[in-house]
Every structure is written in C-alpha cells, then in structure tokens.
Amino acid sequence: MSSGQITLPHICPKCKIEIAIDYQELEKKFGFRNIDQASMRNQSWCRECRKKSTKK
C-alpha cells in the first residue's frame, strides 16, 4: 500500500527514461489521477509509456 506521498525525483518504472524533478515536470510528464474527492496521486508510468500500452 502506498503512503500517498510523492517522492521526487520520480522515475518511470516502465522505461526508466522519464524523470520528473519537480511538481511541474511531474504534471507534464506523468500526470495525476483522482483517488477520491479528497486525494490525488501521481501516475507511476510516464504519459508516453501509458500511451504505448493502450495502443496494443
């Protein structure tokens, strides 16, 4: 279970190429998702890896 905290720098576990060193880069390269009305988490995979995984 995750702690709900975001640790930077964040590296994509899929490609290990994309890195976000601040929250602006995290939004741009990874994005966020709503868990419920009160909390939000960053996506673990970068946008590019998620895009590639849905094209199969």
C-alpha atoms as a PDB file:
ATOM      1  CA  MET A   1       0.000   0.000   0.000  1.00  0.00           C
ATOM      2  CA  SER A   2       1.342   3.434  -0.848  1.00  0.00           C
ATOM      3  CA  SER A   3       1.818   6.241   1.626  1.00  0.00           C
ATOM      4  CA  GLY A   4       0.141   8.831  -0.580  1.00  0.00           C
ATOM      5  CA  GLN A   5       3.302  10.915  -0.564  1.00  0.00           C
ATOM      6  CA  ILE A   6       5.129  11.910  -3.722  1.00  0.00           C
ATOM      7  CA  THR A   7       8.879  11.454  -3.635  1.00  0.00           C
ATOM      8  CA  LEU A   8      10.928  13.446  -6.115  1.00  0.00           C
ATOM      9  CA  PRO A   9      12.725  12.823  -8.335  1.00  0.00           C
ATOM     10  CA  HIS A  10      10.197  10.395  -9.796  1.00  0.00           C
ATOM     11  CA  ILE A  11      11.383   7.943 -12.466  1.00  0.00           C
ATOM     12  CA  CYS A  12       9.087   5.959 -14.735  1.00  0.00           C
ATOM     13  CA  PRO A  13       9.332   2.304 -13.613  1.00  0.00           C
ATOM     14  CA  LYS A  14       8.478   1.082 -17.136  1.00  0.00           C
ATOM     15  CA  CYS A  15      11.012   2.891 -19.378  1.00  0.00           C
ATOM     16  CA  LYS A  16      13.357   4.244 -16.694  1.00  0.00           C
ATOM     17  CA  ILE A  17      13.966   7.219 -19.002  1.00  0.00           C
ATOM     18  CA  GLU A  18      11.427   9.861 -17.992  1.00  0.00           C
ATOM     19  CA  ILE A  19      12.351  11.719 -14.811  1.00  0.00           C
ATOM     20  CA  ALA A  20      10.462  14.481 -13.018  1.00  0.00           C
ATOM     21  CA  ILE A  21      12.473  16.578 -10.592  1.00  0.00           C
ATOM     22  CA  ASP A  22       9.691  18.967  -9.566  1.00  0.00           C
ATOM     23  CA  TYR A  23       5.896  19.092  -9.464  1.00  0.00           C
ATOM     24  CA  GLN A  24       5.621  20.980 -12.776  1.00  0.00           C
ATOM     25  CA  GLU A  25       7.564  18.240 -14.558  1.00  0.00           C
ATOM     26  CA  LEU A  26       5.537  15.597 -12.740  1.00  0.00           C
ATOM     27  CA  GLU A  27       2.307  17.107 -14.093  1.00  0.00           C
ATOM     28  CA  LYS A  28       3.713  17.456 -17.603  1.00  0.00           C
ATOM     29  CA  LYS A  29       5.455  14.071 -17.955  1.00  0.00           C
ATOM     30  CA  PHE A  30       3.341  11.804 -15.717  1.00  0.00           C
ATOM     31  CA  GLY A  31       0.043  13.443 -14.780  1.00  0.00           C
ATOM     32  CA  PHE A  32      -2.154  12.854 -11.754  1.00  0.00           C
ATOM     33  CA  ARG A  33      -5.221  10.761 -11.021  1.00  0.00           C
ATOM     34  CA  ASN A  34      -8.027  11.277  -8.543  1.00  0.00           C
ATOM     35  CA  ILE A  35      -8.284   8.557  -5.932  1.00  0.00           C
ATOM     36  CA  ASP A  36     -11.411  10.002  -4.349  1.00  0.00           C
ATOM     37  CA  GLN A  37     -12.788  13.502  -3.852  1.00  0.00           C
ATOM     38  CA  ALA A  38     -10.179  14.315  -1.224  1.00  0.00           C
ATOM     39  CA  SER A  39      -6.967  12.840  -2.612  1.00  0.00           C
ATOM     40  CA  MET A  40      -4.898  12.719  -5.755  1.00  0.00           C
ATOM     41  CA  ARG A  41      -1.799  10.688  -6.732  1.00  0.00           C
ATOM     42  CA  ASN A  42       0.742  10.929  -9.473  1.00  0.00           C
ATOM     43  CA  GLN A  43       0.684   8.343 -12.241  1.00  0.00           C
ATOM     44  CA  SER A  44       3.601   5.939 -11.868  1.00  0.00           C
ATOM     45  CA  TRP A  45       4.205   5.349 -15.596  1.00  0.00           C
ATOM     46  CA  CYS A  46       5.018   8.346 -17.799  1.00  0.00           C
ATOM     47  CA  ARG A  47       2.444   9.522 -20.334  1.00  0.00           C
ATOM     48  CA  GLU A  48       4.470   8.043 -23.224  1.00  0.00           C
ATOM     49  CA  CYS A  49       4.566   4.536 -21.690  1.00  0.00           C
ATOM     50  CA  ARG A  50       0.838   4.669 -20.886  1.00  0.00           C
ATOM     51  CA  LYS A  51       0.112   5.785 -24.434  1.00  0.00           C
ATOM     52  CA  LYS A  52       2.153   2.901 -25.875  1.00  0.00           C
ATOM     53  CA  SER A  53       0.482   0.317 -23.620  1.00  0.00           C
ATOM     54  CA  THR A  54      -3.032   1.285 -24.785  1.00  0.00           C
ATOM     55  CA  LYS A  55      -2.162   1.004 -28.497  1.00  0.00           C
ATOM     56  CA  LYS A  56      -1.706  -2.780 -28.383  1.00  0.00           C
END
